[in-house]
Amino acid sequence: MEFSRVFSKKLAIKFYKLKLCQLNKSKILGVKMAKKCEICGKAPMFGNNRSKSDRRTPRRWNPNLQHIKVNVNGVVKKMWVCTQCIKSGRVKKA
């Protein structure tokens, strides 16, 4: 019985430390955002690099996103917006 109590206590401490570590990381690093335009939904495209010898290596093409202040219904928000939306006037800058 003593062994099981000690074992469960050690496991509980390990679990607590793991959860605490995860919480601290999310607070320090912030929430990870998807590389996606919040207006038109443009997202990364996937494909392959092709060398002269015709070998394939995977790669991705990311949209050109800018973190700008946007006026949405009279409220100023910071949003990730692609340059096409900014150029075409779909977004009203604040």
Protein backbone atom coordinates (compact mmCIF):
# COMPACT_ATOMS: atom_id res chain seq x y z
CA MET A 1 0.00 0.00 0.00
CA GLU A 2 2.83 2.39 0.80
CA PHE A 3 4.34 1.87 -2.66
CA SER A 4 1.09 2.68 -4.48
CA ARG A 5 0.57 5.86 -2.42
CA VAL A 6 4.09 7.11 -3.15
CA PHE A 7 3.78 6.18 -6.81
CA SER A 8 0.46 8.00 -7.22
CA LYS A 9 1.85 11.05 -5.39
CA LYS A 10 4.87 11.18 -7.72
CA LEU A 11 2.58 10.84 -10.72
CA ALA A 12 0.33 13.62 -9.43
CA ILE A 13 3.34 15.96 -8.96
CA LYS A 14 4.61 15.15 -12.46
CA PHE A 15 1.18 15.82 -13.97
CA TYR A 16 0.86 19.11 -12.05
CA LYS A 17 4.29 20.29 -13.25
CA LEU A 18 3.43 19.37 -16.84
CA LYS A 19 0.15 21.33 -16.71
CA LEU A 20 1.86 24.30 -15.06
CA CYS A 21 4.57 24.27 -17.73
CA GLN A 22 1.96 24.23 -20.51
CA LEU A 23 0.05 27.13 -18.93
CA ASN A 24 3.20 29.22 -18.55
CA LYS A 25 4.24 28.57 -22.16
CA SER A 26 0.85 29.67 -23.48
CA LYS A 27 0.97 32.84 -21.36
CA ILE A 28 4.53 33.71 -22.37
CA LEU A 29 4.32 32.83 -26.05
CA GLY A 30 0.67 33.78 -26.54
CA VAL A 31 -1.87 31.89 -28.59
CA LYS A 32 -0.61 30.66 -31.93
CA MET A 33 -2.58 32.11 -34.83
CA ALA A 34 -3.22 30.36 -38.10
CA LYS A 35 -1.60 32.02 -41.11
CA LYS A 36 -4.96 32.97 -42.54
CA CYS A 37 -6.48 36.27 -43.67
CA GLU A 38 -9.35 37.22 -41.36
CA ILE A 39 -11.25 38.92 -44.20
CA CYS A 40 -11.06 36.65 -47.26
CA GLY A 41 -9.76 33.45 -45.60
CA LYS A 42 -6.65 33.18 -47.78
CA ALA A 43 -4.44 30.44 -46.30
CA PRO A 44 -1.09 28.80 -47.14
CA MET A 45 -0.85 26.74 -50.32
CA PHE A 46 1.17 23.54 -50.43
CA GLY A 47 3.29 22.08 -53.18
CA ASN A 48 6.77 20.90 -54.06
CA ASN A 49 10.07 22.48 -54.95
CA ARG A 50 11.40 20.89 -58.13
CA SER A 51 15.14 20.83 -58.65
CA LYS A 52 17.00 20.47 -61.93
CA SER A 53 17.24 16.72 -61.32
CA ASP A 54 13.42 16.73 -60.81
CA ARG A 55 13.58 15.80 -57.12
CA ARG A 56 10.60 16.86 -55.02
CA THR A 57 10.84 18.55 -51.64
CA PRO A 58 7.69 19.76 -49.92
CA ARG A 59 7.19 23.45 -49.34
CA ARG A 60 4.45 25.93 -48.64
CA TRP A 61 3.59 29.37 -49.97
CA ASN A 62 2.33 31.66 -47.18
CA PRO A 63 -0.01 34.59 -47.86
CA ASN A 64 1.45 38.07 -47.32
CA LEU A 65 -0.31 38.95 -44.06
CA GLN A 66 -0.03 42.30 -42.30
CA HIS A 67 -1.07 42.99 -38.70
CA ILE A 68 -3.02 46.26 -39.04
CA LYS A 69 -5.59 48.28 -37.13
CA VAL A 70 -8.97 47.97 -38.83
CA ASN A 71 -12.18 49.92 -38.31
CA VAL A 72 -15.00 47.34 -37.94
CA ASN A 73 -18.47 48.82 -37.27
CA GLY A 74 -16.92 51.84 -35.54
CA VAL A 75 -14.68 49.69 -33.34
CA VAL A 76 -10.90 49.63 -33.88
CA LYS A 77 -9.43 46.09 -33.91
CA LYS A 78 -6.05 44.63 -34.80
CA MET A 79 -6.38 41.95 -37.47
CA TRP A 80 -4.22 39.80 -39.72
CA VAL A 81 -5.15 40.87 -43.26
CA CYS A 82 -3.61 39.91 -46.62
CA THR A 83 -2.23 42.64 -48.86
CA GLN A 84 -4.82 41.92 -51.56
CA CYS A 85 -7.64 42.86 -49.15
CA ILE A 86 -5.78 46.05 -48.16
CA LYS A 87 -5.15 47.05 -51.79
CA SER A 88 -8.67 46.29 -53.00
CA GLY A 89 -10.27 48.33 -50.20
CA ARG A 90 -12.14 45.47 -48.51
CA VAL A 91 -10.67 46.76 -45.24
CA LYS A 92 -10.99 50.25 -43.78
CA LYS A 93 -7.76 51.12 -41.93
CA ALA A 94 -8.07 52.92 -38.62
